[in-house]
């Protein structure tokens, strides 16, 4: 929590002084009345002494004063609110390694089915685009609010060759930059990249793509799909089948996310991928903003003053 007028907080220093003065006044009142009263007769005059209860209204009053001073300082709190408009680009790796079955049924099939869960969580007013990247990055679906088209585009993805990861990020950022909100401004863009992290060639390196995304304030959230034990089969001349080990490279994805203000996730199975996508859907659908909460403090102080006055009137027939 921050304060617009922090100097007003100096008023809090006066509250301990007031506490000391009130305590001294109460003690002085008892000492001044002692010569005129016989302590042995007090039980006949007062059925039950209030004891510590007599301090409760005073304590509530000082709490109210504290809240009032905090309210005068114009407090601001960081709150989460729903985004009005945004573009999310799903960049999905369709290279040969995504055909590995270390994530069931395959890396690509797991990513595809989990992406559907992500679409369910993203607000309907958001535009969602899909970029597929193998030996080259292509726009499988321009950003649109039509979720049926998005699902059809996901179903059409097929395993190919290569992994131009940097090109995919660069294309995703450019897709977002071409979108316009109702007021003709460029809405916020986020990229969700799903890959095993291995980069093979391409015109743009992952580091250069990260710099572009950072320049345009586009966070890249990355999801690592696969394990170090993945393998794929391919046909070689002569009709023979060759088994090729396809590992993963989390460092590339972690670096992309860290350099752009996104977040890196690891998913080892289809169910875990669904959890990641659902959480990201909620995350991208909201933003944090600073809001003044002076009204909350004003209401709180008024409530405390009312409680203190009510207790004093109810118990002692007087207002503190």
C-alpha atoms as a PDB file:
ATOM      1  CA  UNK A   1       0.000   0.000   0.000  1.00  0.00           C
ATOM      2  CA  UNK A   2       1.274   3.494  -0.862  1.00  0.00           C
ATOM      3  CA  UNK A   3       0.186   6.970   0.192  1.00  0.00           C
ATOM      4  CA  UNK A   4      -0.314  10.046  -1.964  1.00  0.00           C
ATOM      5  CA  UNK A   5       0.278  12.397   1.006  1.00  0.00           C
ATOM      6  CA  UNK A   6       2.782  10.501   3.186  1.00  0.00           C
ATOM      7  CA  UNK A   7       3.546  13.579   5.321  1.00  0.00           C
ATOM      8  CA  UNK A   8       0.050  13.279   6.787  1.00  0.00           C
ATOM      9  CA  UNK A   9       1.236  10.096   8.502  1.00  0.00           C
ATOM     10  CA  UNK A  10       3.166  12.301  10.915  1.00  0.00           C
ATOM     11  CA  UNK A  11      -0.202  12.783  12.598  1.00  0.00           C
ATOM     12  CA  UNK A  12       0.106   9.224  13.903  1.00  0.00           C
ATOM     13  CA  UNK A  13       2.782  10.477  16.304  1.00  0.00           C
ATOM     14  CA  UNK A  14       0.129  12.476  18.179  1.00  0.00           C
ATOM     15  CA  UNK A  15      -1.911   9.394  19.050  1.00  0.00           C
ATOM     16  CA  UNK A  16       0.533   7.936  21.641  1.00  0.00           C
ATOM     17  CA  UNK A  17       0.674  11.386  23.262  1.00  0.00           C
ATOM     18  CA  UNK A  18      -3.120  11.447  23.512  1.00  0.00           C
ATOM     19  CA  UNK A  19      -3.076   7.945  25.017  1.00  0.00           C
ATOM     20  CA  UNK A  20      -0.672   9.085  27.757  1.00  0.00           C
ATOM     21  CA  UNK A  21      -2.791  12.166  28.495  1.00  0.00           C
ATOM     22  CA  UNK A  22      -6.006  10.136  28.782  1.00  0.00           C
ATOM     23  CA  UNK A  23      -4.381   7.588  31.109  1.00  0.00           C
ATOM     24  CA  UNK A  24      -3.003  10.352  33.323  1.00  0.00           C
ATOM     25  CA  UNK A  25      -6.365  12.068  33.422  1.00  0.00           C
ATOM     26  CA  UNK A  26      -8.128   8.899  34.545  1.00  0.00           C
ATOM     27  CA  UNK A  27      -5.569   8.218  37.253  1.00  0.00           C
ATOM     28  CA  UNK A  28      -5.704  11.843  38.435  1.00  0.00           C
ATOM     29  CA  UNK A  29      -9.490  11.671  38.672  1.00  0.00           C
ATOM     30  CA  UNK A  30      -9.279   8.664  41.000  1.00  0.00           C
ATOM     31  CA  UNK A  31      -6.594  10.311  43.155  1.00  0.00           C
ATOM     32  CA  UNK A  32      -8.541  13.568  43.462  1.00  0.00           C
ATOM     33  CA  UNK A  33     -11.703  11.758  44.525  1.00  0.00           C
ATOM     34  CA  UNK A  34     -10.042   9.550  47.122  1.00  0.00           C
ATOM     35  CA  UNK A  35     -10.133  12.088  50.015  1.00  0.00           C
ATOM     36  CA  UNK A  36     -13.891  12.532  49.596  1.00  0.00           C
ATOM     37  CA  UNK A  37     -14.954   8.895  49.492  1.00  0.00           C
ATOM     38  CA  UNK A  38     -14.660   5.860  51.711  1.00  0.00           C
ATOM     39  CA  UNK A  39     -13.414   2.908  49.628  1.00  0.00           C
ATOM     40  CA  UNK A  40     -15.263   0.495  51.943  1.00  0.00           C
ATOM     41  CA  UNK A  41     -18.610   1.982  50.872  1.00  0.00           C
ATOM     42  CA  UNK A  42     -18.015   1.642  47.097  1.00  0.00           C
ATOM     43  CA  UNK A  43     -19.592  -1.839  46.855  1.00  0.00           C
ATOM     44  CA  UNK A  44     -22.824  -0.380  48.218  1.00  0.00           C
ATOM     45  CA  UNK A  45     -22.815   2.423  45.677  1.00  0.00           C
ATOM     46  CA  UNK A  46     -21.551   0.564  42.563  1.00  0.00           C
ATOM     47  CA  UNK A  47     -22.860  -3.002  42.072  1.00  0.00           C
ATOM     48  CA  UNK A  48     -19.907  -4.095  39.941  1.00  0.00           C
ATOM     49  CA  UNK A  49     -16.928  -1.953  38.930  1.00  0.00           C
ATOM     50  CA  UNK A  50     -16.376  -1.738  35.160  1.00  0.00           C
ATOM     51  CA  UNK A  51     -12.759  -2.833  35.437  1.00  0.00           C
ATOM     52  CA  UNK A  52     -10.925  -3.033  32.131  1.00  0.00           C
ATOM     53  CA  UNK A  53     -14.181  -2.728  30.233  1.00  0.00           C
ATOM     54  CA  UNK A  54     -14.160   1.034  30.794  1.00  0.00           C
ATOM     55  CA  UNK A  55     -11.140   1.277  28.466  1.00  0.00           C
ATOM     56  CA  UNK A  56     -12.816  -0.483  25.538  1.00  0.00           C
ATOM     57  CA  UNK A  57     -14.650   2.593  24.115  1.00  0.00           C
ATOM     58  CA  UNK A  58     -11.457   4.655  24.488  1.00  0.00           C
ATOM     59  CA  UNK A  59      -9.374   2.053  22.651  1.00  0.00           C
ATOM     60  CA  UNK A  60     -11.961   1.937  19.847  1.00  0.00           C
ATOM     61  CA  UNK A  61     -11.839   5.738  19.663  1.00  0.00           C
ATOM     62  CA  UNK A  62      -8.056   5.738  19.239  1.00  0.00           C
ATOM     63  CA  UNK A  63      -8.318   3.066  16.550  1.00  0.00           C
ATOM     64  CA  UNK A  64     -10.793   5.310  14.723  1.00  0.00           C
ATOM     65  CA  UNK A  65      -8.371   8.254  14.982  1.00  0.00           C
ATOM     66  CA  UNK A  66      -5.589   6.089  13.563  1.00  0.00           C
ATOM     67  CA  UNK A  67      -7.748   5.067  10.598  1.00  0.00           C
ATOM     68  CA  UNK A  68      -8.724   8.715  10.025  1.00  0.00           C
ATOM     69  CA  UNK A  69      -5.062   9.779   9.817  1.00  0.00           C
ATOM     70  CA  UNK A  70      -4.315   6.951   7.392  1.00  0.00           C
ATOM     71  CA  UNK A  71      -7.277   8.027   5.259  1.00  0.00           C
ATOM     72  CA  UNK A  72      -6.073  11.645   5.183  1.00  0.00           C
ATOM     73  CA  UNK A  73      -2.781  10.374   3.708  1.00  0.00           C
ATOM     74  CA  UNK A  74      -4.745   9.196   0.615  1.00  0.00           C
ATOM     75  CA  UNK A  75      -3.844   5.458   0.604  1.00  0.00           C
ATOM     76  CA  UNK A  76      -3.562   3.540  -2.658  1.00  0.00           C
ATOM     77  CA  UNK A  77      -3.709  -0.247  -2.958  1.00  0.00           C
ATOM     78  CA  UNK A  78      -2.841  -2.569  -5.827  1.00  0.00           C
ATOM     79  CA  UNK A  79      -6.006  -4.361  -6.894  1.00  0.00           C
ATOM     80  CA  UNK A  80      -6.841  -6.884  -9.604  1.00  0.00           C
ATOM     81  CA  UNK A  81      -9.420  -5.901 -12.193  1.00  0.00           C
ATOM     82  CA  UNK A  82     -10.706  -7.559 -15.359  1.00  0.00           C
ATOM     83  CA  UNK A  83      -9.134  -6.438 -18.622  1.00  0.00           C
ATOM     84  CA  UNK A  84     -11.461  -4.686 -21.031  1.00  0.00           C
ATOM     85  CA  UNK A  85      -9.645  -5.683 -24.218  1.00  0.00           C
ATOM     86  CA  UNK A  86      -6.524  -7.656 -25.096  1.00  0.00           C
ATOM     87  CA  UNK A  87      -4.930  -9.946 -27.659  1.00  0.00           C
ATOM     88  CA  UNK A  88      -3.461 -13.339 -26.799  1.00  0.00           C
ATOM     89  CA  UNK A  89      -1.376 -15.154 -29.397  1.00  0.00           C
ATOM     90  CA  UNK A  90      -0.856 -18.887 -28.972  1.00  0.00           C
ATOM     91  CA  UNK A  91       2.475 -19.850 -30.547  1.00  0.00           C
ATOM     92  CA  UNK A  92       2.551 -23.646 -30.810  1.00  0.00           C
ATOM     93  CA  UNK A  93       5.567 -25.709 -31.752  1.00  0.00           C
ATOM     94  CA  UNK A  94       4.727 -28.149 -34.568  1.00  0.00           C
ATOM     95  CA  UNK A  95       8.243 -29.446 -35.187  1.00  0.00           C
ATOM     96  CA  UNK A  96       9.004 -33.142 -35.549  1.00  0.00           C
ATOM     97  CA  UNK A  97      10.014 -33.432 -31.885  1.00  0.00           C
ATOM     98  CA  UNK A  98       6.436 -32.545 -30.859  1.00  0.00           C
ATOM     99  CA  UNK A  99       5.414 -35.987 -32.123  1.00  0.00           C
ATOM    100  CA  UNK A 100       7.227 -37.628 -29.193  1.00  0.00           C
ATOM    101  CA  UNK A 101       5.052 -39.692 -26.862  1.00  0.00           C
ATOM    102  CA  UNK A 102       6.793 -38.878 -23.583  1.00  0.00           C
ATOM    103  CA  UNK A 103       3.730 -36.668 -22.936  1.00  0.00           C
ATOM    104  CA  UNK A 104       0.605 -38.664 -23.728  1.00  0.00           C
ATOM    105  CA  UNK A 105      -0.697 -39.111 -26.298  1.00  0.00           C
ATOM    106  CA  UNK A 106       1.944 -36.923 -27.962  1.00  0.00           C
ATOM    107  CA  UNK A 107       3.512 -33.590 -27.067  1.00  0.00           C
ATOM    108  CA  UNK A 108       1.512 -31.808 -29.768  1.00  0.00           C
ATOM    109  CA  UNK A 109      -1.787 -33.539 -28.965  1.00  0.00           C
ATOM    110  CA  UNK A 110      -1.376 -32.709 -25.266  1.00  0.00           C
ATOM    111  CA  UNK A 111      -0.650 -29.075 -26.081  1.00  0.00           C
ATOM    112  CA  UNK A 112      -3.640 -28.936 -28.435  1.00  0.00           C
ATOM    113  CA  UNK A 113      -6.138 -30.363 -25.940  1.00  0.00           C
ATOM    114  CA  UNK A 114      -4.840 -28.176 -23.131  1.00  0.00           C
ATOM    115  CA  UNK A 115      -5.123 -25.108 -25.359  1.00  0.00           C
ATOM    116  CA  UNK A 116      -8.847 -25.755 -25.558  1.00  0.00           C
ATOM    117  CA  UNK A 117      -8.995 -25.467 -21.769  1.00  0.00           C
ATOM    118  CA  UNK A 118      -7.132 -22.176 -22.082  1.00  0.00           C
ATOM    119  CA  UNK A 119      -9.708 -20.868 -24.554  1.00  0.00           C
ATOM    120  CA  UNK A 120     -12.444 -21.571 -22.021  1.00  0.00           C
ATOM    121  CA  UNK A 121     -10.709 -19.376 -19.423  1.00  0.00           C
ATOM    122  CA  UNK A 122      -9.823 -16.401 -21.621  1.00  0.00           C
ATOM    123  CA  UNK A 123     -12.563 -13.715 -21.555  1.00  0.00           C
ATOM    124  CA  UNK A 124     -14.806 -13.959 -24.607  1.00  0.00           C
ATOM    125  CA  UNK A 125     -14.098 -10.357 -25.617  1.00  0.00           C
ATOM    126  CA  UNK A 126     -10.372 -11.122 -26.045  1.00  0.00           C
ATOM    127  CA  UNK A 127      -8.963 -11.792 -29.494  1.00  0.00           C
ATOM    128  CA  UNK A 128      -7.010 -15.045 -29.757  1.00  0.00           C
ATOM    129  CA  UNK A 129      -4.552 -15.718 -32.567  1.00  0.00           C
ATOM    130  CA  UNK A 130      -2.618 -18.907 -33.317  1.00  0.00           C
ATOM    131  CA  UNK A 131       0.892 -19.150 -34.746  1.00  0.00           C
ATOM    132  CA  UNK A 132       2.289 -22.542 -35.756  1.00  0.00           C
ATOM    133  CA  UNK A 133       6.035 -22.907 -36.124  1.00  0.00           C
ATOM    134  CA  UNK A 134       8.109 -25.742 -37.499  1.00  0.00           C
ATOM    135  CA  UNK A 135      10.627 -25.059 -40.257  1.00  0.00           C
ATOM    136  CA  UNK A 136       8.904 -21.654 -40.587  1.00  0.00           C
ATOM    137  CA  UNK A 137       6.432 -19.600 -38.570  1.00  0.00           C
ATOM    138  CA  UNK A 138       2.976 -19.176 -40.064  1.00  0.00           C
ATOM    139  CA  UNK A 139      -0.284 -17.597 -38.955  1.00  0.00           C
ATOM    140  CA  UNK A 140      -2.692 -20.466 -38.408  1.00  0.00           C
ATOM    141  CA  UNK A 141      -5.392 -18.009 -37.280  1.00  0.00           C
ATOM    142  CA  UNK A 142      -5.342 -14.198 -37.199  1.00  0.00           C
ATOM    143  CA  UNK A 143      -6.519 -12.791 -33.829  1.00  0.00           C
ATOM    144  CA  UNK A 144     -10.277 -13.203 -33.527  1.00  0.00           C
ATOM    145  CA  UNK A 145     -12.931 -13.446 -30.832  1.00  0.00           C
ATOM    146  CA  UNK A 146     -14.498 -16.435 -32.601  1.00  0.00           C
ATOM    147  CA  UNK A 147     -13.646 -19.410 -30.383  1.00  0.00           C
ATOM    148  CA  UNK A 148     -14.986 -21.958 -32.871  1.00  0.00           C
ATOM    149  CA  UNK A 149     -12.438 -20.811 -35.442  1.00  0.00           C
ATOM    150  CA  UNK A 150      -9.730 -21.028 -32.793  1.00  0.00           C
ATOM    151  CA  UNK A 151     -10.654 -24.626 -31.991  1.00  0.00           C
ATOM    152  CA  UNK A 152     -10.692 -25.538 -35.675  1.00  0.00           C
ATOM    153  CA  UNK A 153      -7.254 -23.985 -36.115  1.00  0.00           C
ATOM    154  CA  UNK A 154      -5.908 -26.000 -33.184  1.00  0.00           C
ATOM    155  CA  UNK A 155      -7.328 -29.215 -34.637  1.00  0.00           C
ATOM    156  CA  UNK A 156      -5.621 -28.518 -37.975  1.00  0.00           C
ATOM    157  CA  UNK A 157      -2.105 -28.398 -36.514  1.00  0.00           C
ATOM    158  CA  UNK A 158       0.178 -31.177 -37.752  1.00  0.00           C
ATOM    159  CA  UNK A 159       3.746 -32.190 -36.966  1.00  0.00           C
ATOM    160  CA  UNK A 160       6.317 -30.830 -39.421  1.00  0.00           C
ATOM    161  CA  UNK A 161      10.061 -30.168 -39.368  1.00  0.00           C
ATOM    162  CA  UNK A 162      12.463 -27.645 -37.812  1.00  0.00           C
ATOM    163  CA  UNK A 163      11.866 -25.231 -34.921  1.00  0.00           C
ATOM    164  CA  UNK A 164      12.113 -21.497 -35.729  1.00  0.00           C
ATOM    165  CA  UNK A 165      11.293 -20.408 -32.211  1.00  0.00           C
ATOM    166  CA  UNK A 166      12.554 -16.816 -32.556  1.00  0.00           C
ATOM    167  CA  UNK A 167      10.567 -16.279 -35.758  1.00  0.00           C
ATOM    168  CA  UNK A 168       7.424 -17.465 -33.986  1.00  0.00           C
ATOM    169  CA  UNK A 169       7.796 -14.929 -31.167  1.00  0.00           C
ATOM    170  CA  UNK A 170       8.548 -12.135 -33.645  1.00  0.00           C
ATOM    171  CA  UNK A 171       5.474 -12.987 -35.738  1.00  0.00           C
ATOM    172  CA  UNK A 172       3.272 -13.224 -32.631  1.00  0.00           C
ATOM    173  CA  UNK A 173       4.331  -9.765 -31.457  1.00  0.00           C
ATOM    174  CA  UNK A 174       3.634  -8.270 -34.891  1.00  0.00           C
ATOM    175  CA  UNK A 175       0.173  -9.867 -34.955  1.00  0.00           C
ATOM    176  CA  UNK A 176      -0.659  -8.210 -31.668  1.00  0.00           C
ATOM    177  CA  UNK A 177       0.665  -4.837 -32.813  1.00  0.00           C
ATOM    178  CA  UNK A 178      -1.682  -4.872 -35.805  1.00  0.00           C
ATOM    179  CA  UNK A 179      -4.801  -5.141 -33.626  1.00  0.00           C
ATOM    180  CA  UNK A 180      -6.911  -2.103 -32.763  1.00  0.00           C
ATOM    181  CA  UNK A 181      -9.380  -1.497 -29.952  1.00  0.00           C
ATOM    182  CA  UNK A 182     -12.613   0.432 -30.398  1.00  0.00           C
ATOM    183  CA  UNK A 183     -10.808   3.698 -29.689  1.00  0.00           C
ATOM    184  CA  UNK A 184      -8.191   2.778 -32.344  1.00  0.00           C
ATOM    185  CA  UNK A 185      -5.503   2.203 -29.717  1.00  0.00           C
ATOM    186  CA  UNK A 186      -3.349  -0.945 -29.660  1.00  0.00           C
ATOM    187  CA  UNK A 187      -4.750  -3.279 -26.987  1.00  0.00           C
ATOM    188  CA  UNK A 188      -2.366  -5.114 -24.625  1.00  0.00           C
ATOM    189  CA  UNK A 189      -0.838  -8.231 -26.142  1.00  0.00           C
ATOM    190  CA  UNK A 190       0.486 -11.377 -24.513  1.00  0.00           C
ATOM    191  CA  UNK A 191       2.132 -14.367 -26.168  1.00  0.00           C
ATOM    192  CA  UNK A 192       1.720 -17.912 -24.891  1.00  0.00           C
ATOM    193  CA  UNK A 193       4.407 -20.115 -26.423  1.00  0.00           C
ATOM    194  CA  UNK A 194       4.263 -23.911 -26.120  1.00  0.00           C
ATOM    195  CA  UNK A 195       7.384 -25.798 -27.158  1.00  0.00           C
ATOM    196  CA  UNK A 196      10.063 -28.236 -26.096  1.00  0.00           C
ATOM    197  CA  UNK A 197      12.450 -25.282 -26.243  1.00  0.00           C
ATOM    198  CA  UNK A 198      14.783 -26.500 -28.991  1.00  0.00           C
ATOM    199  CA  UNK A 199      15.565 -23.787 -31.563  1.00  0.00           C
ATOM    200  CA  UNK A 200      16.787 -24.758 -35.040  1.00  0.00           C
ATOM    201  CA  UNK A 201      17.586 -21.923 -37.410  1.00  0.00           C
ATOM    202  CA  UNK A 202      15.227 -19.151 -38.421  1.00  0.00           C
ATOM    203  CA  UNK A 203      15.736 -15.511 -39.371  1.00  0.00           C
ATOM    204  CA  UNK A 204      15.293 -14.139 -35.847  1.00  0.00           C
ATOM    205  CA  UNK A 205      17.118 -15.519 -32.828  1.00  0.00           C
ATOM    206  CA  UNK A 206      15.182 -16.055 -29.579  1.00  0.00           C
ATOM    207  CA  UNK A 207      17.258 -13.311 -27.926  1.00  0.00           C
ATOM    208  CA  UNK A 208      16.428 -10.793 -30.677  1.00  0.00           C
ATOM    209  CA  UNK A 209      12.747 -11.768 -30.554  1.00  0.00           C
ATOM    210  CA  UNK A 210      12.780 -11.229 -26.770  1.00  0.00           C
ATOM    211  CA  UNK A 211      14.180  -7.723 -27.248  1.00  0.00           C
ATOM    212  CA  UNK A 212      11.406  -6.926 -29.724  1.00  0.00           C
ATOM    213  CA  UNK A 213       8.739  -8.218 -27.348  1.00  0.00           C
ATOM    214  CA  UNK A 214      10.205  -6.220 -24.467  1.00  0.00           C
ATOM    215  CA  UNK A 215      10.309  -3.041 -26.571  1.00  0.00           C
ATOM    216  CA  UNK A 216       6.592  -3.348 -27.279  1.00  0.00           C
ATOM    217  CA  UNK A 217       5.755  -4.435 -23.702  1.00  0.00           C
ATOM    218  CA  UNK A 218       4.550  -7.878 -24.786  1.00  0.00           C
ATOM    219  CA  UNK A 219       5.109 -10.535 -22.103  1.00  0.00           C
ATOM    220  CA  UNK A 220       5.888 -14.001 -23.415  1.00  0.00           C
ATOM    221  CA  UNK A 221       4.610 -16.839 -21.226  1.00  0.00           C
ATOM    222  CA  UNK A 222       6.354 -20.091 -22.064  1.00  0.00           C
ATOM    223  CA  UNK A 223       5.312 -23.688 -21.399  1.00  0.00           C
ATOM    224  CA  UNK A 224       7.840 -26.480 -21.690  1.00  0.00           C
ATOM    225  CA  UNK A 225       6.265 -29.642 -23.097  1.00  0.00           C
ATOM    226  CA  UNK A 226       8.210 -32.889 -22.957  1.00  0.00           C
ATOM    227  CA  UNK A 227      10.905 -34.671 -20.991  1.00  0.00           C
ATOM    228  CA  UNK A 228      14.593 -35.410 -21.661  1.00  0.00           C
ATOM    229  CA  UNK A 229      13.583 -38.961 -22.625  1.00  0.00           C
ATOM    230  CA  UNK A 230      11.459 -38.186 -25.689  1.00  0.00           C
ATOM    231  CA  UNK A 231      11.986 -40.122 -28.921  1.00  0.00           C
ATOM    232  CA  UNK A 232      10.464 -40.051 -32.421  1.00  0.00           C
ATOM    233  CA  UNK A 233      10.653 -42.425 -35.349  1.00  0.00           C
ATOM    234  CA  UNK A 234      11.472 -41.464 -38.921  1.00  0.00           C
ATOM    235  CA  UNK A 235      11.864 -43.341 -42.157  1.00  0.00           C
ATOM    236  CA  UNK A 236      15.327 -43.411 -43.729  1.00  0.00           C
ATOM    237  CA  UNK A 237      16.336 -44.515 -47.252  1.00  0.00           C
ATOM    238  CA  UNK A 238      15.713 -48.210 -47.771  1.00  0.00           C
ATOM    239  CA  UNK A 239      12.441 -48.159 -45.868  1.00  0.00           C
ATOM    240  CA  UNK A 240      14.108 -48.615 -42.517  1.00  0.00           C
ATOM    241  CA  UNK A 241      12.845 -46.922 -39.353  1.00  0.00           C
ATOM    242  CA  UNK A 242      15.195 -44.852 -37.233  1.00  0.00           C
ATOM    243  CA  UNK A 243      14.576 -43.885 -33.615  1.00  0.00           C
ATOM    244  CA  UNK A 244      15.782 -40.359 -32.822  1.00  0.00           C
ATOM    245  CA  UNK A 245      16.080 -38.976 -29.315  1.00  0.00           C
ATOM    246  CA  UNK A 246      14.488 -35.533 -28.991  1.00  0.00           C
ATOM    247  CA  UNK A 247      15.417 -33.761 -25.794  1.00  0.00           C
ATOM    248  CA  UNK A 248      14.130 -30.471 -24.366  1.00  0.00           C
ATOM    249  CA  UNK A 249      15.756 -27.093 -23.760  1.00  0.00           C
ATOM    250  CA  UNK A 250      14.106 -25.294 -20.849  1.00  0.00           C
ATOM    251  CA  UNK A 251      16.848 -22.636 -20.705  1.00  0.00           C
ATOM    252  CA  UNK A 252      15.671 -21.013 -23.948  1.00  0.00           C
ATOM    253  CA  UNK A 253      12.058 -20.809 -22.795  1.00  0.00           C
ATOM    254  CA  UNK A 254      13.041 -19.620 -19.324  1.00  0.00           C
ATOM    255  CA  UNK A 255      15.201 -16.892 -20.844  1.00  0.00           C
ATOM    256  CA  UNK A 256      12.392 -15.743 -23.165  1.00  0.00           C
ATOM    257  CA  UNK A 257       9.929 -15.459 -20.308  1.00  0.00           C
ATOM    258  CA  UNK A 258      12.374 -13.726 -17.990  1.00  0.00           C
ATOM    259  CA  UNK A 259      13.493 -11.177 -20.590  1.00  0.00           C
ATOM    260  CA  UNK A 260       9.937 -10.129 -21.503  1.00  0.00           C
ATOM    261  CA  UNK A 261       8.213 -10.071 -18.121  1.00  0.00           C
ATOM    262  CA  UNK A 262       6.368 -13.326 -18.673  1.00  0.00           C
ATOM    263  CA  UNK A 263       6.575 -16.568 -16.745  1.00  0.00           C
ATOM    264  CA  UNK A 264       8.017 -19.990 -17.442  1.00  0.00           C
ATOM    265  CA  UNK A 265       6.040 -23.179 -16.741  1.00  0.00           C
ATOM    266  CA  UNK A 266       6.966 -26.834 -16.896  1.00  0.00           C
ATOM    267  CA  UNK A 267       4.345 -29.420 -17.831  1.00  0.00           C
ATOM    268  CA  UNK A 268       5.026 -33.143 -17.930  1.00  0.00           C
ATOM    269  CA  UNK A 269       1.583 -34.507 -18.724  1.00  0.00           C
ATOM    270  CA  UNK A 270      -1.709 -33.539 -20.287  1.00  0.00           C
ATOM    271  CA  UNK A 271      -3.486 -32.957 -16.959  1.00  0.00           C
ATOM    272  CA  UNK A 272      -0.707 -30.676 -15.728  1.00  0.00           C
ATOM    273  CA  UNK A 273      -0.889 -28.741 -18.998  1.00  0.00           C
ATOM    274  CA  UNK A 274      -4.595 -28.122 -18.424  1.00  0.00           C
ATOM    275  CA  UNK A 275      -3.862 -26.664 -14.988  1.00  0.00           C
ATOM    276  CA  UNK A 276      -1.214 -24.368 -16.478  1.00  0.00           C
ATOM    277  CA  UNK A 277      -3.515 -23.135 -19.231  1.00  0.00           C
ATOM    278  CA  UNK A 278      -6.434 -22.552 -16.884  1.00  0.00           C
ATOM    279  CA  UNK A 279      -4.234 -20.556 -14.518  1.00  0.00           C
ATOM    280  CA  UNK A 280      -2.793 -18.537 -17.389  1.00  0.00           C
ATOM    281  CA  UNK A 281      -6.278 -17.867 -18.744  1.00  0.00           C
ATOM    282  CA  UNK A 282      -7.259 -16.296 -15.433  1.00  0.00           C
ATOM    283  CA  UNK A 283      -3.959 -14.426 -15.202  1.00  0.00           C
ATOM    284  CA  UNK A 284      -4.142 -12.915 -18.691  1.00  0.00           C
ATOM    285  CA  UNK A 285      -7.787 -12.011 -18.186  1.00  0.00           C
ATOM    286  CA  UNK A 286      -6.937  -9.639 -15.356  1.00  0.00           C
ATOM    287  CA  UNK A 287      -4.523  -6.821 -14.687  1.00  0.00           C
ATOM    288  CA  UNK A 288      -3.264  -5.091 -11.582  1.00  0.00           C
ATOM    289  CA  UNK A 289      -3.819  -1.399 -11.038  1.00  0.00           C
ATOM    290  CA  UNK A 290      -3.367   1.107  -8.239  1.00  0.00           C
ATOM    291  CA  UNK A 291      -6.622   2.431  -6.787  1.00  0.00           C
ATOM    292  CA  UNK A 292      -7.222   5.022  -4.080  1.00  0.00           C
ATOM    293  CA  UNK A 293      -8.987   3.452  -1.092  1.00  0.00           C
ATOM    294  CA  UNK A 294      -9.586   6.547   1.034  1.00  0.00           C
ATOM    295  CA  UNK A 295     -13.295   5.725   1.001  1.00  0.00           C
ATOM    296  CA  UNK A 296     -12.580   2.385   2.692  1.00  0.00           C
ATOM    297  CA  UNK A 297     -10.674   4.109   5.495  1.00  0.00           C
ATOM    298  CA  UNK A 298     -13.383   6.748   5.864  1.00  0.00           C
ATOM    299  CA  UNK A 299     -16.055   4.087   6.205  1.00  0.00           C
ATOM    300  CA  UNK A 300     -13.902   2.143   8.655  1.00  0.00           C
ATOM    301  CA  UNK A 301     -13.262   5.154  10.878  1.00  0.00           C
ATOM    302  CA  UNK A 302     -16.967   6.067  10.879  1.00  0.00           C
ATOM    303  CA  UNK A 303     -17.877   2.518  11.870  1.00  0.00           C
ATOM    304  CA  UNK A 304     -15.323   2.523  14.711  1.00  0.00           C
ATOM    305  CA  UNK A 305     -16.570   5.881  16.024  1.00  0.00           C
ATOM    306  CA  UNK A 306     -20.134   4.567  15.978  1.00  0.00           C
ATOM    307  CA  UNK A 307     -19.119   1.382  17.824  1.00  0.00           C
ATOM    308  CA  UNK A 308     -17.147   3.319  20.444  1.00  0.00           C
ATOM    309  CA  UNK A 309     -19.973   5.783  21.097  1.00  0.00           C
ATOM    310  CA  UNK A 310     -22.545   2.973  21.268  1.00  0.00           C
ATOM    311  CA  UNK A 311     -20.514   0.978  23.808  1.00  0.00           C
ATOM    312  CA  UNK A 312     -19.899   4.031  25.976  1.00  0.00           C
ATOM    313  CA  UNK A 313     -23.578   4.998  25.929  1.00  0.00           C
ATOM    314  CA  UNK A 314     -24.748   1.436  26.576  1.00  0.00           C
ATOM    315  CA  UNK A 315     -22.347   0.683  29.420  1.00  0.00           C
ATOM    316  CA  UNK A 316     -21.750   4.065  31.075  1.00  0.00           C
ATOM    317  CA  UNK A 317     -24.523   6.350  29.812  1.00  0.00           C
ATOM    318  CA  UNK A 318     -21.964   8.760  28.412  1.00  0.00           C
ATOM    319  CA  UNK A 319     -20.001   9.420  25.211  1.00  0.00           C
ATOM    320  CA  UNK A 320     -16.211   9.144  25.531  1.00  0.00           C
END
